[in-house]
Amino acid sequence: MVTAKQLVGIKGSKVWTVTPHQTVYEAIRIMADKNIGSLLVMDGRKLAGIITERHYARNVVLKGKTSPDTLVGEIMDRCVACARPEQTVDHCMEIMTRRRVRHLPVLEKGRVIGVISIGDIVKSIIEEKSFIISELQNYISGEKSVH
């Protein structure tokens, strides 16, 4: 079973961030430019929160605020669901399902080493299931495994 750290290694450890003092407009601009749905909010080297498109829709648009006048710190989620490097993809999926989140920072010794998304999880699970199916088909047909 693939772990969170292995998944970060596969997808890459690049993490896009903002500070709590930046405007929501700046955060949304970064998300649009990078084609991503969330940003980690960092206070120095410390994870302070997360901001997603959902936070923007619910806490700016629906409340009649404006993104240039609202700070990230006002709408970010401070209680961030995170994964440890050794946790399996299945465990990460359980965390995401239970907490109803789509993005999961991976922390090693309190330091962010990457972020995994629900899409990364689904892709990993599909690849693993495809491998198992292939192995079973080879076993049934009497072919030797190439792995």
C-alpha atoms as a PDB file:
ATOM      1  CA  MET A   1       0.000   0.000   0.000  1.00  0.00           C
ATOM      2  CA  VAL A   2       1.308   3.430  -0.976  1.00  0.00           C
ATOM      3  CA  THR A   3       1.981   5.898   1.835  1.00  0.00           C
ATOM      4  CA  ALA A   4       1.376   9.646   1.951  1.00  0.00           C
ATOM      5  CA  LYS A   5       5.123  10.283   1.690  1.00  0.00           C
ATOM      6  CA  GLN A   6       5.427   8.025  -1.363  1.00  0.00           C
ATOM      7  CA  LEU A   7       2.482   9.807  -2.976  1.00  0.00           C
ATOM      8  CA  VAL A   8       4.153  13.184  -2.382  1.00  0.00           C
ATOM      9  CA  GLY A   9       7.312  11.741  -3.939  1.00  0.00           C
ATOM     10  CA  ILE A  10       5.356  10.650  -7.010  1.00  0.00           C
ATOM     11  CA  LYS A  11       3.418  13.886  -7.539  1.00  0.00           C
ATOM     12  CA  GLY A  12       6.101  16.283  -6.326  1.00  0.00           C
ATOM     13  CA  SER A  13       6.513  18.317  -3.183  1.00  0.00           C
ATOM     14  CA  LYS A  14       5.782  21.772  -4.608  1.00  0.00           C
ATOM     15  CA  VAL A  15       3.374  23.546  -2.272  1.00  0.00           C
ATOM     16  CA  TRP A  16       1.692  26.865  -3.041  1.00  0.00           C
ATOM     17  CA  THR A  17       1.172  29.118  -0.028  1.00  0.00           C
ATOM     18  CA  VAL A  18      -0.080  32.480   1.180  1.00  0.00           C
ATOM     19  CA  THR A  19       0.123  34.272   4.505  1.00  0.00           C
ATOM     20  CA  PRO A  20      -2.833  35.199   6.706  1.00  0.00           C
ATOM     21  CA  HIS A  21      -2.100  38.869   5.921  1.00  0.00           C
ATOM     22  CA  GLN A  22      -2.553  38.593   2.165  1.00  0.00           C
ATOM     23  CA  THR A  23      -5.891  39.444   0.605  1.00  0.00           C
ATOM     24  CA  VAL A  24      -8.330  36.815  -0.535  1.00  0.00           C
ATOM     25  CA  TYR A  25      -8.020  38.354  -4.004  1.00  0.00           C
ATOM     26  CA  GLU A  26      -4.308  37.504  -4.027  1.00  0.00           C
ATOM     27  CA  ALA A  27      -5.084  33.942  -2.902  1.00  0.00           C
ATOM     28  CA  ILE A  28      -7.744  33.417  -5.572  1.00  0.00           C
ATOM     29  CA  ARG A  29      -5.400  34.863  -8.211  1.00  0.00           C
ATOM     30  CA  ILE A  30      -2.684  32.329  -7.250  1.00  0.00           C
ATOM     31  CA  MET A  31      -5.190  29.453  -7.332  1.00  0.00           C
ATOM     32  CA  ALA A  32      -6.390  30.533 -10.786  1.00  0.00           C
ATOM     33  CA  ASP A  33      -2.858  31.026 -12.124  1.00  0.00           C
ATOM     34  CA  LYS A  34      -1.671  27.639 -10.822  1.00  0.00           C
ATOM     35  CA  ASN A  35      -4.942  25.823 -11.599  1.00  0.00           C
ATOM     36  CA  ILE A  36      -5.272  24.562  -8.027  1.00  0.00           C
ATOM     37  CA  GLY A  37      -8.143  24.503  -5.538  1.00  0.00           C
ATOM     38  CA  SER A  38      -6.375  25.333  -2.288  1.00  0.00           C
ATOM     39  CA  LEU A  39      -3.436  27.098  -0.724  1.00  0.00           C
ATOM     40  CA  LEU A  40      -1.717  26.413   2.545  1.00  0.00           C
ATOM     41  CA  VAL A  41      -1.623  29.429   4.815  1.00  0.00           C
ATOM     42  CA  MET A  42       1.789  29.742   6.390  1.00  0.00           C
ATOM     43  CA  ASP A  43       2.899  31.915   9.280  1.00  0.00           C
ATOM     44  CA  GLY A  44       6.633  31.737   8.737  1.00  0.00           C
ATOM     45  CA  ARG A  45       7.436  28.019   8.634  1.00  0.00           C
ATOM     46  CA  LYS A  46       4.330  27.100  10.636  1.00  0.00           C
ATOM     47  CA  LEU A  47       1.127  25.833   9.028  1.00  0.00           C
ATOM     48  CA  ALA A  48      -1.522  28.326  10.133  1.00  0.00           C
ATOM     49  CA  GLY A  49      -4.440  27.159   8.005  1.00  0.00           C
ATOM     50  CA  ILE A  50      -5.780  26.370   4.579  1.00  0.00           C
ATOM     51  CA  ILE A  51      -7.875  28.388   2.147  1.00  0.00           C
ATOM     52  CA  THR A  52      -9.907  26.769  -0.606  1.00  0.00           C
ATOM     53  CA  GLU A  53     -12.276  27.868  -3.339  1.00  0.00           C
ATOM     54  CA  ARG A  54     -15.063  26.674  -1.056  1.00  0.00           C
ATOM     55  CA  HIS A  55     -13.927  29.063   1.712  1.00  0.00           C
ATOM     56  CA  TYR A  56     -14.017  31.884  -0.807  1.00  0.00           C
ATOM     57  CA  ALA A  57     -17.505  31.031  -2.064  1.00  0.00           C
ATOM     58  CA  ARG A  58     -19.021  30.610   1.378  1.00  0.00           C
ATOM     59  CA  ASN A  59     -17.220  33.300   3.349  1.00  0.00           C
ATOM     60  CA  VAL A  60     -16.713  36.094   0.836  1.00  0.00           C
ATOM     61  CA  VAL A  61     -19.179  35.809  -2.044  1.00  0.00           C
ATOM     62  CA  LEU A  62     -22.201  34.648  -0.041  1.00  0.00           C
ATOM     63  CA  LYS A  63     -21.548  37.133   2.770  1.00  0.00           C
ATOM     64  CA  GLY A  64     -21.289  40.125   0.461  1.00  0.00           C
ATOM     65  CA  LYS A  65     -17.629  40.800   1.240  1.00  0.00           C
ATOM     66  CA  THR A  66     -15.079  41.764  -1.380  1.00  0.00           C
ATOM     67  CA  SER A  67     -11.940  39.760  -2.041  1.00  0.00           C
ATOM     68  CA  PRO A  68      -9.600  42.792  -2.231  1.00  0.00           C
ATOM     69  CA  ASP A  69     -10.770  43.951   1.221  1.00  0.00           C
ATOM     70  CA  THR A  70     -10.842  40.577   2.996  1.00  0.00           C
ATOM     71  CA  LEU A  71      -7.715  38.994   4.450  1.00  0.00           C
ATOM     72  CA  VAL A  72      -6.974  35.297   4.107  1.00  0.00           C
ATOM     73  CA  GLY A  73      -6.752  35.049   7.907  1.00  0.00           C
ATOM     74  CA  GLU A  74     -10.401  36.080   8.186  1.00  0.00           C
ATOM     75  CA  ILE A  75     -11.767  33.147   6.176  1.00  0.00           C
ATOM     76  CA  MET A  76      -9.146  30.381   6.320  1.00  0.00           C
ATOM     77  CA  ASP A  77      -9.735  27.109   8.109  1.00  0.00           C
ATOM     78  CA  ARG A  78      -7.448  27.039  11.133  1.00  0.00           C
ATOM     79  CA  CYS A  79      -8.220  23.416  12.009  1.00  0.00           C
ATOM     80  CA  VAL A  80      -6.397  21.716   9.142  1.00  0.00           C
ATOM     81  CA  ALA A  81      -6.757  17.988   8.576  1.00  0.00           C
ATOM     82  CA  CYS A  82      -3.254  16.619   7.948  1.00  0.00           C
ATOM     83  CA  ALA A  83      -1.578  13.315   7.177  1.00  0.00           C
ATOM     84  CA  ARG A  84       1.607  11.811   8.530  1.00  0.00           C
ATOM     85  CA  PRO A  85       4.142  10.460   6.021  1.00  0.00           C
ATOM     86  CA  GLU A  86       3.659   6.825   7.035  1.00  0.00           C
ATOM     87  CA  GLN A  87      -0.134   6.835   6.704  1.00  0.00           C
ATOM     88  CA  THR A  88      -1.508   4.767   3.841  1.00  0.00           C
ATOM     89  CA  VAL A  89      -3.530   6.099   0.948  1.00  0.00           C
ATOM     90  CA  ASP A  90      -6.572   4.303   2.415  1.00  0.00           C
ATOM     91  CA  HIS A  91      -6.093   6.078   5.741  1.00  0.00           C
ATOM     92  CA  CYS A  92      -5.693   9.433   3.975  1.00  0.00           C
ATOM     93  CA  MET A  93      -8.918   8.772   2.063  1.00  0.00           C
ATOM     94  CA  GLU A  94     -10.655   8.002   5.355  1.00  0.00           C
ATOM     95  CA  ILE A  95      -9.448  11.314   6.845  1.00  0.00           C
ATOM     96  CA  MET A  96     -10.623  13.221   3.763  1.00  0.00           C
ATOM     97  CA  THR A  97     -14.024  11.528   3.808  1.00  0.00           C
ATOM     98  CA  ARG A  98     -14.568  11.996   7.539  1.00  0.00           C
ATOM     99  CA  ARG A  99     -13.432  15.632   7.546  1.00  0.00           C
ATOM    100  CA  ARG A 100     -15.045  16.398   4.150  1.00  0.00           C
ATOM    101  CA  VAL A 101     -11.881  17.897   2.690  1.00  0.00           C
ATOM    102  CA  ARG A 102     -10.273  17.529  -0.709  1.00  0.00           C
ATOM    103  CA  HIS A 103      -6.713  18.573   0.164  1.00  0.00           C
ATOM    104  CA  LEU A 104      -4.470  17.056   2.817  1.00  0.00           C
ATOM    105  CA  PRO A 105      -1.129  18.561   3.823  1.00  0.00           C
ATOM    106  CA  VAL A 106       1.466  15.955   4.723  1.00  0.00           C
ATOM    107  CA  LEU A 107       3.518  16.903   7.792  1.00  0.00           C
ATOM    108  CA  GLU A 108       6.814  15.338   8.821  1.00  0.00           C
ATOM    109  CA  LYS A 109       8.135  16.433  12.203  1.00  0.00           C
ATOM    110  CA  GLY A 110       5.791  19.427  12.068  1.00  0.00           C
ATOM    111  CA  ARG A 111       7.065  20.539   8.655  1.00  0.00           C
ATOM    112  CA  VAL A 112       4.957  20.501   5.475  1.00  0.00           C
ATOM    113  CA  ILE A 113       6.495  18.132   2.931  1.00  0.00           C
ATOM    114  CA  GLY A 114       3.663  18.248   0.406  1.00  0.00           C
ATOM    115  CA  VAL A 115      -0.070  18.278  -0.214  1.00  0.00           C
ATOM    116  CA  ILE A 116      -2.149  15.441  -1.601  1.00  0.00           C
ATOM    117  CA  SER A 117      -5.564  15.855  -3.161  1.00  0.00           C
ATOM    118  CA  ILE A 118      -8.520  13.539  -3.484  1.00  0.00           C
ATOM    119  CA  GLY A 119      -7.560  13.205  -7.149  1.00  0.00           C
ATOM    120  CA  ASP A 120      -4.096  11.956  -6.165  1.00  0.00           C
ATOM    121  CA  ILE A 121      -5.698   9.420  -3.828  1.00  0.00           C
ATOM    122  CA  VAL A 122      -8.134   8.141  -6.467  1.00  0.00           C
ATOM    123  CA  LYS A 123      -5.365   7.855  -9.071  1.00  0.00           C
ATOM    124  CA  SER A 124      -3.189   5.865  -6.666  1.00  0.00           C
ATOM    125  CA  ILE A 125      -6.009   3.497  -5.739  1.00  0.00           C
ATOM    126  CA  ILE A 126      -6.906   2.907  -9.401  1.00  0.00           C
ATOM    127  CA  GLU A 127      -3.264   2.145 -10.246  1.00  0.00           C
ATOM    128  CA  GLU A 128      -2.994  -0.286  -7.337  1.00  0.00           C
ATOM    129  CA  LYS A 129      -6.230  -2.071  -8.266  1.00  0.00           C
ATOM    130  CA  SER A 130      -5.136  -2.292 -11.921  1.00  0.00           C
ATOM    131  CA  PHE A 131      -1.862  -3.885 -10.827  1.00  0.00           C
ATOM    132  CA  ILE A 132      -3.683  -6.448  -8.663  1.00  0.00           C
ATOM    133  CA  ILE A 133      -6.085  -7.286 -11.499  1.00  0.00           C
ATOM    134  CA  SER A 134      -3.177  -7.763 -13.889  1.00  0.00           C
ATOM    135  CA  GLU A 135      -1.384 -10.039 -11.432  1.00  0.00           C
ATOM    136  CA  LEU A 136      -4.519 -12.115 -10.872  1.00  0.00           C
ATOM    137  CA  GLN A 137      -5.102 -12.427 -14.616  1.00  0.00           C
ATOM    138  CA  ASN A 138      -1.497 -13.575 -15.077  1.00  0.00           C
ATOM    139  CA  TYR A 139      -1.876 -16.083 -12.251  1.00  0.00           C
ATOM    140  CA  ILE A 140      -5.116 -17.486 -13.652  1.00  0.00           C
ATOM    141  CA  SER A 141      -3.686 -17.795 -17.164  1.00  0.00           C
ATOM    142  CA  GLY A 142      -0.493 -19.388 -15.839  1.00  0.00           C
ATOM    143  CA  GLU A 143       1.793 -16.585 -17.011  1.00  0.00           C
ATOM    144  CA  LYS A 144       4.712 -15.551 -14.869  1.00  0.00           C
ATOM    145  CA  SER A 145       4.690 -12.129 -13.279  1.00  0.00           C
ATOM    146  CA  VAL A 146       6.997  -9.527 -14.760  1.00  0.00           C
ATOM    147  CA  HIS A 147       7.018  -7.521 -11.527  1.00  0.00           C
END
